Amino acid sequence: MSNTPHLLVHEHDDNVGVVVVEGLTAGTEMFCCVTHDNSTFTLTAEDDVPIGHKIALQDFQEGDTAIKYGEDIGKIIADIPKGRHVHTHNCKTKRW
C-alpha cells in the first residue's frame, strides 16, 4: 500500500473522513491519516466515493451526529455502515 493518504481525518473524535484521491472505488483498502498528529490507520471503502466526499469511520444509526473538524456537521438521516459514503442522501445539515 502507498503512503499517500486516500482519506484525511482532522481530529481523533471525528467520525467521518474526507476522500482526497480521484477515482476511489469500493473494496479499496484506504490509507487514512489523522492530520491532528499524523497518526494513520486503514479502512476499506465500501462504495465508490468521489474526491471531497465523506466516508463513515463508524457505523451510524439514523439520528446520530456526523462530526468533522471536531464539529457537528449534520444529522444522519439513514443508517450508514462503517466505510460507506456519507453525503446528502444520508446526512443533512442542522442549519435549516
N, C-alpha and C. Protein backbone atom coordinates (compact mmCIF):
# COMPACT_ATOMS: atom_id res chain seq x y z
N MET A 1 0.84 -1.17 0.00
CA MET A 1 0.00 0.00 0.00
C MET A 1 0.89 1.24 0.00
N SER A 2 0.42 2.26 -0.70
CA SER A 2 1.14 3.53 -0.79
C SER A 2 1.06 4.29 0.52
N ASN A 3 2.03 5.15 0.78
CA ASN A 3 1.98 6.03 1.94
C ASN A 3 1.25 7.33 1.63
N THR A 4 0.68 7.45 0.44
CA THR A 4 -0.12 8.61 0.09
C THR A 4 -1.54 8.36 0.59
N PRO A 5 -2.06 9.25 1.45
CA PRO A 5 -3.39 9.01 2.02
C PRO A 5 -4.50 9.01 0.97
N HIS A 6 -5.48 8.17 1.20
CA HIS A 6 -6.73 8.16 0.44
C HIS A 6 -7.78 9.00 1.17
N LEU A 7 -7.65 9.05 2.51
CA LEU A 7 -8.67 9.66 3.35
C LEU A 7 -7.99 10.48 4.44
N LEU A 8 -8.48 11.71 4.66
CA LEU A 8 -7.98 12.54 5.74
C LEU A 8 -9.05 12.69 6.81
N VAL A 9 -8.61 12.60 8.06
CA VAL A 9 -9.46 12.81 9.23
C VAL A 9 -8.78 13.91 10.02
N HIS A 10 -9.52 14.90 10.46
CA HIS A 10 -8.89 16.06 11.08
C HIS A 10 -8.61 15.86 12.57
N GLU A 11 -9.56 15.31 13.30
CA GLU A 11 -9.43 15.12 14.75
C GLU A 11 -9.75 13.68 15.11
N HIS A 12 -9.19 13.18 16.19
CA HIS A 12 -9.46 11.81 16.62
C HIS A 12 -10.93 11.58 16.95
N ASP A 13 -11.64 12.62 17.36
CA ASP A 13 -13.06 12.48 17.69
C ASP A 13 -13.97 12.54 16.46
N ASP A 14 -13.42 12.86 15.29
CA ASP A 14 -14.23 12.89 14.06
C ASP A 14 -14.74 11.49 13.76
N ASN A 15 -15.94 11.41 13.20
CA ASN A 15 -16.48 10.10 12.83
C ASN A 15 -16.71 9.97 11.33
N VAL A 16 -16.25 10.97 10.57
CA VAL A 16 -16.21 10.90 9.11
C VAL A 16 -14.85 11.40 8.65
N GLY A 17 -14.40 10.90 7.51
CA GLY A 17 -13.17 11.36 6.90
C GLY A 17 -13.45 11.80 5.48
N VAL A 18 -12.52 12.55 4.87
CA VAL A 18 -12.70 13.11 3.54
C VAL A 18 -11.78 12.41 2.54
N VAL A 19 -12.38 11.96 1.45
CA VAL A 19 -11.62 11.32 0.36
C VAL A 19 -10.77 12.37 -0.33
N VAL A 20 -9.47 12.08 -0.51
CA VAL A 20 -8.55 13.05 -1.10
C VAL A 20 -7.87 12.52 -2.36
N VAL A 21 -8.46 11.49 -2.97
CA VAL A 21 -7.94 10.95 -4.23
C VAL A 21 -9.08 10.82 -5.23
N GLU A 22 -8.75 10.96 -6.49
CA GLU A 22 -9.73 10.74 -7.57
C GLU A 22 -9.94 9.25 -7.77
N GLY A 23 -11.16 8.87 -8.09
CA GLY A 23 -11.43 7.50 -8.52
C GLY A 23 -11.38 6.46 -7.43
N LEU A 24 -11.71 6.81 -6.18
CA LEU A 24 -11.73 5.82 -5.11
C LEU A 24 -12.85 4.81 -5.38
N THR A 25 -12.51 3.54 -5.38
CA THR A 25 -13.50 2.50 -5.69
C THR A 25 -13.76 1.60 -4.49
N ALA A 26 -14.97 1.05 -4.48
CA ALA A 26 -15.36 0.11 -3.43
C ALA A 26 -14.34 -1.02 -3.38
N GLY A 27 -14.00 -1.44 -2.17
CA GLY A 27 -13.04 -2.52 -1.97
C GLY A 27 -11.62 -2.04 -1.75
N THR A 28 -11.37 -0.75 -1.96
CA THR A 28 -10.02 -0.20 -1.75
C THR A 28 -9.70 -0.18 -0.26
N GLU A 29 -8.57 -0.73 0.12
CA GLU A 29 -8.08 -0.59 1.48
C GLU A 29 -7.39 0.76 1.55
N MET A 30 -8.06 1.71 2.18
CA MET A 30 -7.58 3.09 2.20
C MET A 30 -6.52 3.29 3.28
N PHE A 31 -5.50 4.05 2.95
CA PHE A 31 -4.53 4.53 3.92
C PHE A 31 -5.08 5.86 4.42
N CYS A 32 -5.34 5.96 5.71
CA CYS A 32 -6.00 7.12 6.30
C CYS A 32 -5.06 7.83 7.26
N CYS A 33 -5.11 9.15 7.26
CA CYS A 33 -4.23 9.95 8.11
C CYS A 33 -5.06 10.92 8.95
N VAL A 34 -4.77 10.95 10.25
CA VAL A 34 -5.37 11.93 11.16
C VAL A 34 -4.43 13.13 11.18
N THR A 35 -4.88 14.25 10.62
CA THR A 35 -3.98 15.38 10.45
C THR A 35 -3.58 16.05 11.76
N HIS A 36 -4.35 15.86 12.81
CA HIS A 36 -4.03 16.46 14.11
C HIS A 36 -2.64 16.04 14.60
N ASP A 37 -2.29 14.74 14.37
CA ASP A 37 -0.99 14.25 14.85
C ASP A 37 -0.28 13.34 13.85
N ASN A 38 -0.79 13.28 12.62
CA ASN A 38 -0.23 12.45 11.56
C ASN A 38 -0.25 10.95 11.86
N SER A 39 -1.11 10.53 12.78
CA SER A 39 -1.28 9.09 13.00
C SER A 39 -2.05 8.50 11.81
N THR A 40 -1.92 7.20 11.62
CA THR A 40 -2.54 6.56 10.45
C THR A 40 -3.31 5.31 10.85
N PHE A 41 -4.20 4.90 9.97
CA PHE A 41 -4.94 3.66 10.11
C PHE A 41 -5.43 3.25 8.73
N THR A 42 -5.98 2.07 8.60
CA THR A 42 -6.55 1.64 7.33
C THR A 42 -8.05 1.38 7.51
N LEU A 43 -8.76 1.52 6.42
CA LEU A 43 -10.21 1.31 6.38
C LEU A 43 -10.57 0.92 4.96
N THR A 44 -11.47 -0.03 4.81
CA THR A 44 -11.91 -0.44 3.48
C THR A 44 -13.08 0.41 3.02
N ALA A 45 -12.98 0.97 1.83
CA ALA A 45 -14.08 1.73 1.22
C ALA A 45 -15.13 0.73 0.77
N GLU A 46 -16.36 0.94 1.17
CA GLU A 46 -17.46 0.04 0.81
C GLU A 46 -18.26 0.55 -0.38
N ASP A 47 -17.94 1.75 -0.86
CA ASP A 47 -18.60 2.36 -2.02
C ASP A 47 -17.55 3.05 -2.87
N ASP A 48 -17.90 3.31 -4.14
CA ASP A 48 -17.13 4.25 -4.94
C ASP A 48 -17.48 5.63 -4.37
N VAL A 49 -16.46 6.44 -4.04
CA VAL A 49 -16.72 7.74 -3.42
C VAL A 49 -15.88 8.80 -4.13
N PRO A 50 -16.54 9.88 -4.59
CA PRO A 50 -15.81 10.95 -5.28
C PRO A 50 -14.88 11.71 -4.34
N ILE A 51 -13.86 12.29 -4.91
CA ILE A 51 -12.94 13.14 -4.16
C ILE A 51 -13.74 14.26 -3.48
N GLY A 52 -13.38 14.58 -2.23
CA GLY A 52 -14.04 15.64 -1.49
C GLY A 52 -15.26 15.19 -0.71
N HIS A 53 -15.72 13.97 -0.96
CA HIS A 53 -16.87 13.45 -0.23
C HIS A 53 -16.41 12.71 1.02
N LYS A 54 -17.35 12.41 1.90
CA LYS A 54 -17.03 11.81 3.20
C LYS A 54 -17.31 10.31 3.23
N ILE A 55 -16.59 9.64 4.14
CA ILE A 55 -16.78 8.21 4.40
C ILE A 55 -16.96 8.04 5.91
N ALA A 56 -17.89 7.15 6.28
CA ALA A 56 -18.16 6.87 7.69
C ALA A 56 -17.01 6.10 8.32
N LEU A 57 -16.54 6.57 9.46
CA LEU A 57 -15.48 5.89 10.21
C LEU A 57 -16.05 4.94 11.26
N GLN A 58 -17.36 4.93 11.39
CA GLN A 58 -18.06 4.07 12.35
C GLN A 58 -19.42 3.73 11.75
N ASP A 59 -20.11 2.79 12.34
CA ASP A 59 -21.50 2.53 11.97
C ASP A 59 -22.35 3.66 12.54
N PHE A 60 -23.22 4.23 11.71
CA PHE A 60 -24.15 5.27 12.13
C PHE A 60 -25.57 4.71 12.14
N GLN A 61 -26.35 5.21 13.06
CA GLN A 61 -27.78 4.95 13.11
C GLN A 61 -28.51 6.25 12.78
N GLU A 62 -29.68 6.15 12.19
CA GLU A 62 -30.49 7.33 11.94
C GLU A 62 -30.62 8.14 13.23
N GLY A 63 -30.38 9.45 13.14
CA GLY A 63 -30.45 10.32 14.30
C GLY A 63 -29.09 10.66 14.90
N ASP A 64 -28.04 9.91 14.53
CA ASP A 64 -26.69 10.20 15.01
C ASP A 64 -26.20 11.53 14.43
N THR A 65 -25.09 12.02 14.96
CA THR A 65 -24.48 13.27 14.51
C THR A 65 -23.15 12.97 13.82
N ALA A 66 -22.96 13.57 12.65
CA ALA A 66 -21.68 13.48 11.94
C ALA A 66 -20.75 14.56 12.49
N ILE A 67 -19.51 14.16 12.80
CA ILE A 67 -18.51 15.07 13.35
C ILE A 67 -17.31 15.14 12.40
N LYS A 68 -16.96 16.36 11.99
CA LYS A 68 -15.80 16.62 11.13
C LYS A 68 -15.15 17.89 11.65
N TYR A 69 -13.81 17.96 11.66
CA TYR A 69 -13.07 19.09 12.25
C TYR A 69 -13.42 19.25 13.72
N GLY A 70 -13.87 18.18 14.37
CA GLY A 70 -14.28 18.25 15.76
C GLY A 70 -15.61 18.96 15.96
N GLU A 71 -16.33 19.23 14.88
CA GLU A 71 -17.59 19.99 14.92
C GLU A 71 -18.74 19.16 14.37
N ASP A 72 -19.94 19.44 14.85
CA ASP A 72 -21.18 18.85 14.36
C ASP A 72 -21.43 19.38 12.95
N ILE A 73 -21.44 18.49 11.95
CA ILE A 73 -21.70 18.94 10.57
C ILE A 73 -23.04 18.46 10.04
N GLY A 74 -23.78 17.67 10.83
CA GLY A 74 -25.07 17.26 10.34
C GLY A 74 -25.66 16.08 11.06
N LYS A 75 -26.94 15.84 10.75
CA LYS A 75 -27.70 14.74 11.33
C LYS A 75 -27.79 13.59 10.32
N ILE A 76 -27.51 12.40 10.79
CA ILE A 76 -27.62 11.20 9.95
C ILE A 76 -29.10 10.88 9.79
N ILE A 77 -29.57 10.76 8.53
CA ILE A 77 -30.99 10.52 8.28
C ILE A 77 -31.29 9.11 7.79
N ALA A 78 -30.27 8.29 7.67
CA ALA A 78 -30.42 6.87 7.30
C ALA A 78 -29.22 6.13 7.87
N ASP A 79 -29.40 4.88 8.24
CA ASP A 79 -28.28 4.09 8.76
C ASP A 79 -27.14 4.06 7.74
N ILE A 80 -25.91 4.16 8.23
CA ILE A 80 -24.72 4.13 7.37
C ILE A 80 -23.70 3.20 8.00
N PRO A 81 -23.39 2.08 7.38
CA PRO A 81 -22.33 1.22 7.90
C PRO A 81 -20.94 1.86 7.72
N LYS A 82 -20.03 1.49 8.58
CA LYS A 82 -18.63 1.93 8.50
C LYS A 82 -18.08 1.67 7.10
N GLY A 83 -17.36 2.66 6.56
CA GLY A 83 -16.74 2.52 5.24
C GLY A 83 -17.62 2.97 4.09
N ARG A 84 -18.86 3.37 4.37
CA ARG A 84 -19.79 3.78 3.31
C ARG A 84 -19.77 5.29 3.10
N HIS A 85 -20.27 5.69 1.95
CA HIS A 85 -20.34 7.08 1.52
C HIS A 85 -21.31 7.86 2.42
N VAL A 86 -20.87 9.02 2.90
CA VAL A 86 -21.71 9.93 3.69
C VAL A 86 -21.90 11.18 2.84
N HIS A 87 -23.16 11.46 2.48
CA HIS A 87 -23.44 12.63 1.63
C HIS A 87 -24.90 13.04 1.84
N THR A 88 -25.42 13.87 0.97
CA THR A 88 -26.75 14.44 1.15
C THR A 88 -27.88 13.40 1.15
N HIS A 89 -27.63 12.20 0.65
CA HIS A 89 -28.66 11.17 0.65
C HIS A 89 -28.83 10.52 2.03
N ASN A 90 -27.87 10.73 2.94
CA ASN A 90 -27.96 10.10 4.26
C ASN A 90 -27.51 11.01 5.41
N CYS A 91 -27.18 12.26 5.11
CA CYS A 91 -26.75 13.20 6.14
C CYS A 91 -27.24 14.61 5.74
N LYS A 92 -27.91 15.26 6.67
CA LYS A 92 -28.46 16.60 6.39
C LYS A 92 -27.93 17.61 7.40
N THR A 93 -27.72 18.83 6.94
CA THR A 93 -27.31 19.91 7.84
C THR A 93 -28.40 20.17 8.86
N LYS A 94 -27.99 20.68 10.01
CA LYS A 94 -28.95 21.09 11.04
C LYS A 94 -29.20 22.60 10.98
N ARG A 95 -28.62 23.25 9.99
CA ARG A 95 -28.73 24.72 9.89
C ARG A 95 -30.12 25.17 9.49
N TRP A 96 -30.84 24.34 8.75
CA TRP A 96 -32.20 24.69 8.34
C TRP A 96 -33.04 23.47 8.22
